[in-house]
């Protein structure tokens, strides 16, 4: 499909609203998914670090009691 002007490109032969809405929803969804995934990864890594610290403290307490 060839467009004679930038305005025609944005209009997409009368379907521009639907085309650009679909692009917007797709990219918005990917952005939200990426942000949520990064946040979840940070939370999981923090939880793992806390668990390892707890286990290390327990190990030290057990060795001190013996």
PDB file of N, CA and C in Angstrom:
ATOM      1  N   UNK A   1       0.849  -1.165   0.000  1.00  0.00           N
ATOM      2  CA  UNK A   1       0.000   0.000   0.000  1.00  0.00           C
ATOM      3  C   UNK A   1       0.899   1.234   0.000  1.00  0.00           C
ATOM      4  N   UNK A   2       0.594   2.182  -0.872  1.00  0.00           N
ATOM      5  CA  UNK A   2       1.395   3.391  -0.992  1.00  0.00           C
ATOM      6  C   UNK A   2       0.584   4.582  -0.511  1.00  0.00           C
ATOM      7  N   UNK A   3       1.236   5.457   0.233  1.00  0.00           N
ATOM      8  CA  UNK A   3       0.564   6.645   0.762  1.00  0.00           C
ATOM      9  C   UNK A   3       1.201   7.880   0.143  1.00  0.00           C
ATOM     10  N   UNK A   4       0.356   8.847  -0.221  1.00  0.00           N
ATOM     11  CA  UNK A   4       0.843  10.076  -0.849  1.00  0.00           C
ATOM     12  C   UNK A   4       1.242  11.131   0.169  1.00  0.00           C
ATOM     13  N   UNK A   5       0.776  11.001   1.393  1.00  0.00           N
ATOM     14  CA  UNK A   5       1.134  11.975   2.425  1.00  0.00           C
ATOM     15  C   UNK A   5       1.160  11.280   3.782  1.00  0.00           C
ATOM     16  N   UNK A   6       1.754  11.971   4.731  1.00  0.00           N
ATOM     17  CA  UNK A   6       1.824  11.432   6.087  1.00  0.00           C
ATOM     18  C   UNK A   6       0.421  11.333   6.690  1.00  0.00           C
ATOM     19  N   UNK A   7      -0.432  12.261   6.343  1.00  0.00           N
ATOM     20  CA  UNK A   7      -1.814  12.244   6.834  1.00  0.00           C
ATOM     21  C   UNK A   7      -2.549  10.996   6.340  1.00  0.00           C
ATOM     22  N   UNK A   8      -2.342  10.640   5.084  1.00  0.00           N
ATOM     23  CA  UNK A   8      -2.956   9.420   4.547  1.00  0.00           C
ATOM     24  C   UNK A   8      -2.398   8.176   5.239  1.00  0.00           C
ATOM     25  N   UNK A   9      -1.109   8.227   5.555  1.00  0.00           N
ATOM     26  CA  UNK A   9      -0.493   7.115   6.274  1.00  0.00           C
ATOM     27  C   UNK A   9      -1.152   6.941   7.638  1.00  0.00           C
ATOM     28  N   UNK A  10      -1.345   8.044   8.362  1.00  0.00           N
ATOM     29  CA  UNK A  10      -1.979   7.964   9.677  1.00  0.00           C
ATOM     30  C   UNK A  10      -3.438   7.522   9.577  1.00  0.00           C
ATOM     31  N   UNK A  11      -4.119   7.923   8.497  1.00  0.00           N
ATOM     32  CA  UNK A  11      -5.529   7.575   8.321  1.00  0.00           C
ATOM     33  C   UNK A  11      -5.711   6.118   7.895  1.00  0.00           C
ATOM     34  N   UNK A  12      -4.713   5.537   7.251  1.00  0.00           N
ATOM     35  CA  UNK A  12      -4.733   4.134   6.820  1.00  0.00           C
ATOM     36  C   UNK A  12      -5.999   3.769   6.042  1.00  0.00           C
ATOM     37  N   UNK A  13      -6.379   4.624   5.136  1.00  0.00           N
ATOM     38  CA  UNK A  13      -7.533   4.334   4.297  1.00  0.00           C
ATOM     39  C   UNK A  13      -8.843   4.269   5.080  1.00  0.00           C
ATOM     40  N   UNK A  14      -8.943   5.023   6.154  1.00  0.00           N
ATOM     41  CA  UNK A  14     -10.161   5.032   6.960  1.00  0.00           C
ATOM     42  C   UNK A  14     -10.122   4.091   8.149  1.00  0.00           C
ATOM     43  N   UNK A  15      -9.083   3.274   8.226  1.00  0.00           N
ATOM     44  CA  UNK A  15      -8.972   2.308   9.324  1.00  0.00           C
ATOM     45  C   UNK A  15      -7.884   2.693  10.330  1.00  0.00           C
ATOM     46  N   UNK A  16      -7.384   3.892  10.225  1.00  0.00           N
ATOM     47  CA  UNK A  16      -6.285   4.335  11.075  1.00  0.00           C
ATOM     48  C   UNK A  16      -6.574   4.221  12.560  1.00  0.00           C
ATOM     49  N   UNK A  17      -7.786   4.590  12.969  1.00  0.00           N
ATOM     50  CA  UNK A  17      -8.127   4.514  14.394  1.00  0.00           C
ATOM     51  C   UNK A  17      -7.934   3.099  14.917  1.00  0.00           C
ATOM     52  N   UNK A  18      -8.428   2.119  14.189  1.00  0.00           N
ATOM     53  CA  UNK A  18      -8.342   0.724  14.630  1.00  0.00           C
ATOM     54  C   UNK A  18      -6.908   0.198  14.575  1.00  0.00           C
ATOM     55  N   UNK A  19      -6.202   0.572  13.519  1.00  0.00           N
ATOM     56  CA  UNK A  19      -4.817   0.122  13.365  1.00  0.00           C
ATOM     57  C   UNK A  19      -3.952   0.676  14.489  1.00  0.00           C
ATOM     58  N   UNK A  20      -4.024   1.990  14.721  1.00  0.00           N
ATOM     59  CA  UNK A  20      -3.180   2.609  15.749  1.00  0.00           C
ATOM     60  C   UNK A  20      -3.632   2.220  17.147  1.00  0.00           C
ATOM     61  N   UNK A  21      -4.922   1.987  17.327  1.00  0.00           N
ATOM     62  CA  UNK A  21      -5.406   1.499  18.617  1.00  0.00           C
ATOM     63  C   UNK A  21      -4.841   0.105  18.898  1.00  0.00           C
ATOM     64  N   UNK A  22      -4.817  -0.743  17.885  1.00  0.00           N
ATOM     65  CA  UNK A  22      -4.267  -2.092  18.051  1.00  0.00           C
ATOM     66  C   UNK A  22      -2.778  -2.026  18.391  1.00  0.00           C
ATOM     67  N   UNK A  23      -2.039  -1.165  17.694  1.00  0.00           N
ATOM     68  CA  UNK A  23      -0.620  -0.988  18.025  1.00  0.00           C
ATOM     69  C   UNK A  23      -0.460  -0.475  19.454  1.00  0.00           C
ATOM     70  N   UNK A  24      -1.255   0.502  19.837  1.00  0.00           N
ATOM     71  CA  UNK A  24      -1.164   1.073  21.179  1.00  0.00           C
ATOM     72  C   UNK A  24      -1.458   0.056  22.262  1.00  0.00           C
ATOM     73  N   UNK A  25      -2.520  -0.724  22.071  1.00  0.00           N
ATOM     74  CA  UNK A  25      -2.875  -1.746  23.058  1.00  0.00           C
ATOM     75  C   UNK A  25      -1.777  -2.806  23.141  1.00  0.00           C
ATOM     76  N   UNK A  26      -1.246  -3.202  22.005  1.00  0.00           N
ATOM     77  CA  UNK A  26      -0.184  -4.221  21.989  1.00  0.00           C
ATOM     78  C   UNK A  26       1.068  -3.734  22.704  1.00  0.00           C
ATOM     79  N   UNK A  27       1.537  -2.553  22.344  1.00  0.00           N
ATOM     80  CA  UNK A  27       2.753  -2.033  22.973  1.00  0.00           C
ATOM     81  C   UNK A  27       2.521  -1.701  24.440  1.00  0.00           C
ATOM     82  N   UNK A  28       1.331  -1.199  24.771  1.00  0.00           N
ATOM     83  CA  UNK A  28       1.010  -0.928  26.167  1.00  0.00           C
ATOM     84  C   UNK A  28       1.015  -2.198  26.997  1.00  0.00           C
ATOM     85  N   UNK A  29       0.436  -3.258  26.444  1.00  0.00           N
ATOM     86  CA  UNK A  29       0.418  -4.542  27.151  1.00  0.00           C
ATOM     87  C   UNK A  29       1.829  -5.079  27.355  1.00  0.00           C
ATOM     88  N   UNK A  30       2.652  -4.985  26.326  1.00  0.00           N
ATOM     89  CA  UNK A  30       4.038  -5.443  26.449  1.00  0.00           C
ATOM     90  C   UNK A  30       4.805  -4.622  27.481  1.00  0.00           C
ATOM     91  N   UNK A  31       4.558  -3.326  27.519  1.00  0.00           N
ATOM     92  CA  UNK A  31       5.225  -2.466  28.490  1.00  0.00           C
ATOM     93  C   UNK A  31       4.809  -2.831  29.910  1.00  0.00           C
ATOM     94  N   UNK A  32       3.518  -3.012  30.130  1.00  0.00           N
ATOM     95  CA  UNK A  32       3.020  -3.395  31.456  1.00  0.00           C
ATOM     96  C   UNK A  32       3.585  -4.751  31.863  1.00  0.00           C
ATOM     97  N   UNK A  33       3.603  -5.699  30.941  1.00  0.00           N
ATOM     98  CA  UNK A  33       4.142  -7.026  31.228  1.00  0.00           C
ATOM     99  C   UNK A  33       5.624  -6.957  31.597  1.00  0.00           C
ATOM    100  N   UNK A  34       6.382  -6.148  30.872  1.00  0.00           N
ATOM    101  CA  UNK A  34       7.809  -5.996  31.152  1.00  0.00           C
ATOM    102  C   UNK A  34       8.039  -5.380  32.526  1.00  0.00           C
ATOM    103  N   UNK A  35       7.307  -4.321  32.840  1.00  0.00           N
ATOM    104  CA  UNK A  35       7.454  -3.659  34.140  1.00  0.00           C
ATOM    105  C   UNK A  35       7.068  -4.611  35.264  1.00  0.00           C
ATOM    106  N   UNK A  36       5.969  -5.337  35.093  1.00  0.00           N
ATOM    107  CA  UNK A  36       5.530  -6.285  36.121  1.00  0.00           C
ATOM    108  C   UNK A  36       6.551  -7.407  36.306  1.00  0.00           C
ATOM    109  N   UNK A  37       7.132  -7.885  35.219  1.00  0.00           N
ATOM    110  CA  UNK A  37       8.121  -8.966  35.301  1.00  0.00           C
ATOM    111  C   UNK A  37       9.383  -8.510  36.020  1.00  0.00           C
ATOM    112  N   UNK A  38       9.845  -7.310  35.719  1.00  0.00           N
ATOM    113  CA  UNK A  38      11.041  -6.787  36.379  1.00  0.00           C
ATOM    114  C   UNK A  38      10.777  -6.611  37.871  1.00  0.00           C
ATOM    115  N   UNK A  39       9.611  -6.081  38.212  1.00  0.00           N
ATOM    116  CA  UNK A  39       9.266  -5.913  39.626  1.00  0.00           C
ATOM    117  C   UNK A  39       9.183  -7.233  40.357  1.00  0.00           C
ATOM    118  N   UNK A  40       8.576  -8.221  39.724  1.00  0.00           N
ATOM    119  CA  UNK A  40       8.456  -9.544  40.349  1.00  0.00           C
ATOM    120  C   UNK A  40       9.831 -10.185  40.528  1.00  0.00           C
ATOM    121  N   UNK A  41      10.702 -10.027  39.542  1.00  0.00           N
ATOM    122  CA  UNK A  41      12.049 -10.591  39.644  1.00  0.00           C
ATOM    123  C   UNK A  41      12.791  -9.983  40.829  1.00  0.00           C
ATOM    124  N   UNK A  42      12.686  -8.670  40.999  1.00  0.00           N
ATOM    125  CA  UNK A  42      13.347  -8.013  42.127  1.00  0.00           C
ATOM    126  C   UNK A  42      12.798  -8.529  43.450  1.00  0.00           C
ATOM    127  N   UNK A  43      11.473  -8.702  43.531  1.00  0.00           N
ATOM    128  CA  UNK A  43      10.859  -9.212  44.760  1.00  0.00           C
ATOM    129  C   UNK A  43      11.334 -10.623  45.069  1.00  0.00           C
ATOM    130  N   UNK A  44      11.396 -11.468  44.062  1.00  0.00           N
ATOM    131  CA  UNK A  44      11.835 -12.852  44.260  1.00  0.00           C
ATOM    132  C   UNK A  44      13.294 -12.888  44.716  1.00  0.00           C
ATOM    133  N   UNK A  45      14.144 -12.098  44.084  1.00  0.00           N
ATOM    134  CA  UNK A  45      15.552 -12.072  44.478  1.00  0.00           C
ATOM    135  C   UNK A  45      15.719 -11.557  45.906  1.00  0.00           C
ATOM    136  N   UNK A  46      14.919 -10.570  46.296  1.00  0.00           N
ATOM    137  CA  UNK A  46      14.961 -10.061  47.670  1.00  0.00           C
ATOM    138  C   UNK A  46      14.518 -11.129  48.649  1.00  0.00           C
ATOM    139  N   UNK A  47      13.453 -11.851  48.314  1.00  0.00           N
ATOM    140  CA  UNK A  47      12.968 -12.924  49.185  1.00  0.00           C
ATOM    141  C   UNK A  47      14.014 -14.030  49.336  1.00  0.00           C
ATOM    142  N   UNK A  48      14.676 -14.370  48.253  1.00  0.00           N
ATOM    143  CA  UNK A  48      15.717 -15.402  48.305  1.00  0.00           C
ATOM    144  C   UNK A  48      16.872 -14.940  49.194  1.00  0.00           C
ATOM    145  N   UNK A  49      17.282 -13.686  49.046  1.00  0.00           N
ATOM    146  CA  UNK A  49      18.380 -13.167  49.868  1.00  0.00           C
ATOM    147  C   UNK A  49      18.002 -13.191  51.346  1.00  0.00           C
ATOM    148  N   UNK A  50      16.771 -12.806  51.668  1.00  0.00           N
ATOM    149  CA  UNK A  50      16.322 -12.834  53.066  1.00  0.00           C
ATOM    150  C   UNK A  50      16.298 -14.257  53.606  1.00  0.00           C
ATOM    151  N   UNK A  51      15.840 -15.188  52.793  1.00  0.00           N
ATOM    152  CA  UNK A  51      15.788 -16.584  53.223  1.00  0.00           C
ATOM    153  C   UNK A  51      17.195 -17.121  53.480  1.00  0.00           C
ATOM    154  N   UNK A  52      18.130 -16.805  52.609  1.00  0.00           N
ATOM    155  CA  UNK A  52      19.513 -17.247  52.800  1.00  0.00           C
ATOM    156  C   UNK A  52      20.112 -16.644  54.072  1.00  0.00           C
ATOM    157  N   UNK A  53      19.818 -15.383  54.331  1.00  0.00           N
ATOM    158  CA  UNK A  53      20.312 -14.753  55.562  1.00  0.00           C
ATOM    159  C   UNK A  53      19.729 -15.436  56.795  1.00  0.00           C
ATOM    160  N   UNK A  54      18.438 -15.743  56.774  1.00  0.00           N
ATOM    161  CA  UNK A  54      17.794 -16.444  57.895  1.00  0.00           C
ATOM    162  C   UNK A  54      18.429 -17.804  58.125  1.00  0.00           C
ATOM    163  N   UNK A  55      18.636 -18.546  57.047  1.00  0.00           N
ATOM    164  CA  UNK A  55      19.245 -19.869  57.168  1.00  0.00           C
ATOM    165  C   UNK A  55      20.662 -19.774  57.726  1.00  0.00           C
ATOM    166  N   UNK A  56      21.405 -18.765  57.301  1.00  0.00           N
ATOM    167  CA  UNK A  56      22.770 -18.581  57.803  1.00  0.00           C
ATOM    168  C   UNK A  56      22.750 -18.240  59.293  1.00  0.00           C
ATOM    169  N   UNK A  57      21.822 -17.380  59.715  1.00  0.00           N
ATOM    170  CA  UNK A  57      21.711 -17.051  61.139  1.00  0.00           C
ATOM    171  C   UNK A  57      21.344 -18.276  61.955  1.00  0.00           C
ATOM    172  N   UNK A  58      20.418 -19.086  61.443  1.00  0.00           N
ATOM    173  CA  UNK A  58      20.041 -20.312  62.149  1.00  0.00           C
ATOM    174  C   UNK A  58      21.232 -21.260  62.274  1.00  0.00           C
ATOM    175  N   UNK A  59      21.990 -21.379  61.199  1.00  0.00           N
ATOM    176  CA  UNK A  59      23.161 -22.256  61.215  1.00  0.00           C
ATOM    177  C   UNK A  59      24.176 -21.758  62.247  1.00  0.00           C
ATOM    178  N   UNK A  60      24.387 -20.445  62.304  1.00  0.00           N
ATOM    179  CA  UNK A  60      25.325 -19.887  63.282  1.00  0.00           C
ATOM    180  C   UNK A  60      24.823 -20.099  64.706  1.00  0.00           C
ATOM    181  N   UNK A  61      23.528 -19.894  64.935  1.00  0.00           N
ATOM    182  CA  UNK A  61      22.963 -20.095  66.272  1.00  0.00           C
ATOM    183  C   UNK A  61      23.083 -21.550  66.706  1.00  0.00           C
ATOM    184  N   UNK A  62      22.863 -22.465  65.806  1.00  0.00           N
ATOM    185  CA  UNK A  62      22.968 -23.888  66.136  1.00  0.00           C
ATOM    186  C   UNK A  62      24.409 -24.270  66.454  1.00  0.00           C
ATOM    187  N   UNK A  63      25.352 -23.707  65.704  1.00  0.00           N
ATOM    188  CA  UNK A  63      26.759 -24.035  65.962  1.00  0.00           C
ATOM    189  C   UNK A  63      27.247 -23.378  67.257  1.00  0.00           C
ATOM    190  N   UNK A  64      26.699 -22.233  67.634  1.00  0.00           N
ATOM    191  CA  UNK A  64      27.081 -21.568  68.887  1.00  0.00           C
ATOM    192  C   UNK A  64      26.561 -22.328  70.099  1.00  0.00           C
ATOM    193  N   UNK A  65      25.442 -22.990  69.980  1.00  0.00           N
ATOM    194  CA  UNK A  65      24.847 -23.720  71.097  1.00  0.00           C
ATOM    195  C   UNK A  65      25.594 -25.014  71.388  1.00  0.00           C
ATOM    196  N   UNK A  66      26.296 -25.543  70.426  1.00  0.00           N
ATOM    197  CA  UNK A  66      26.983 -26.831  70.625  1.00  0.00           C
ATOM    198  C   UNK A  66      28.316 -26.673  71.235  1.00  0.00           C
TER     199      UNK A  66
END
